[in-house]
Structure formats: structure tokens, C-alpha cells
Amino acid sequence: MEVDELRKKTSDELLEALSIELKEQFKLRIQKSSGEFNQTHLIKLSRRNVAKIKTVMTEKAGG
């Protein structure tokens, strides 16, 4: 997910994207804890995507 793509989205679309990403992050953490998950780099990517979305949301809110 690129920041340029996120900046083009509306606030509602950003909230939806954040919700989806947080759900995905939760699924990945559960899979990791159960031992059936070997691609731990996806957790890092998910965490960074959440941070990107929140940053863009803050930019839109603050100006």
C-alpha cells in the first residue's frame, strides 16, 4: 500500500482500510501464536500499513 494511493482516498475509505488492515493483523498474530505461520514478515508489513493509514488520516485532519 503506497502513501500516494492513501492520500487520494476519502476519510471514510481510510477508516475502512484501517479496519480491514487491523483485522488482517489480528489474524496474522493468531496464526503466529498457534504455530502455523511461517511468513512473519507479513506482520511487519501489516503494522507499517496501519501506521501509513493513521499518518494520512492525521494529515487530513490537521491540514
Protein backbone atom coordinates (compact mmCIF):
# COMPACT_ATOMS: atom_id res chain seq x y z
CA MET A 1 0.00 0.00 0.00
CA GLU A 2 1.55 3.27 -1.15
CA VAL A 3 1.07 6.59 0.62
CA ASP A 4 0.09 8.28 -2.65
CA GLU A 5 -2.82 5.85 -3.02
CA LEU A 6 -3.92 6.54 0.54
CA ARG A 7 -3.83 10.32 0.11
CA LYS A 8 -6.33 10.05 -2.77
CA LYS A 9 -8.87 8.24 -0.58
CA THR A 10 -11.62 9.90 1.42
CA SER A 11 -11.79 9.76 5.20
CA ASP A 12 -14.44 7.05 5.09
CA GLU A 13 -12.33 4.94 2.75
CA LEU A 14 -9.34 5.38 5.06
CA LEU A 15 -11.38 4.23 8.06
CA GLU A 16 -12.49 1.18 6.11
CA ALA A 17 -8.92 0.41 5.03
CA LEU A 18 -7.73 0.78 8.62
CA SER A 19 -10.41 -1.60 9.86
CA ILE A 20 -9.51 -4.20 7.23
CA GLU A 21 -5.79 -3.91 7.97
CA LEU A 22 -6.30 -4.25 11.74
CA LYS A 23 -8.42 -7.38 11.21
CA GLU A 24 -5.73 -8.84 8.96
CA GLN A 25 -3.07 -8.00 11.54
CA PHE A 26 -5.09 -9.79 14.21
CA LYS A 27 -5.47 -12.89 12.03
CA LEU A 28 -1.72 -12.96 11.39
CA ARG A 29 -0.91 -12.67 15.10
CA ILE A 30 -3.31 -15.53 15.93
CA GLN A 31 -1.78 -17.71 13.23
CA LYS A 32 1.70 -16.95 14.51
CA SER A 33 0.81 -17.81 18.09
CA SER A 34 -0.76 -21.11 17.05
CA GLY A 35 2.46 -22.09 15.28
CA GLU A 36 1.01 -22.50 11.79
CA PHE A 37 2.51 -19.33 10.37
CA ASN A 38 5.98 -19.08 8.84
CA GLN A 39 5.78 -15.76 6.98
CA THR A 40 6.41 -13.45 9.91
CA HIS A 41 7.44 -10.60 7.62
CA LEU A 42 3.76 -10.10 6.80
CA ILE A 43 3.12 -8.98 10.38
CA LYS A 44 5.72 -6.25 9.98
CA LEU A 45 4.18 -5.13 6.66
CA SER A 46 0.73 -5.04 8.21
CA ARG A 47 1.96 -2.95 11.13
CA ARG A 48 3.57 -0.49 8.73
CA ASN A 49 0.41 -0.27 6.64
CA VAL A 50 -1.59 0.62 9.75
CA ALA A 51 0.94 3.34 10.54
CA LYS A 52 0.73 4.73 6.99
CA ILE A 53 -3.06 4.87 7.13
CA LYS A 54 -3.06 6.57 10.52
CA THR A 55 -0.46 9.08 9.33
CA VAL A 56 -2.54 10.04 6.30
CA MET A 57 -5.65 10.32 8.48
CA THR A 58 -3.79 12.70 10.79
CA GLU A 59 -2.56 14.74 7.84
CA LYS A 60 -6.11 15.11 6.53
CA ALA A 61 -7.46 16.06 9.94
CA GLY A 62 -4.72 18.53 10.81
CA GLY A 63 -4.27 20.14 7.48
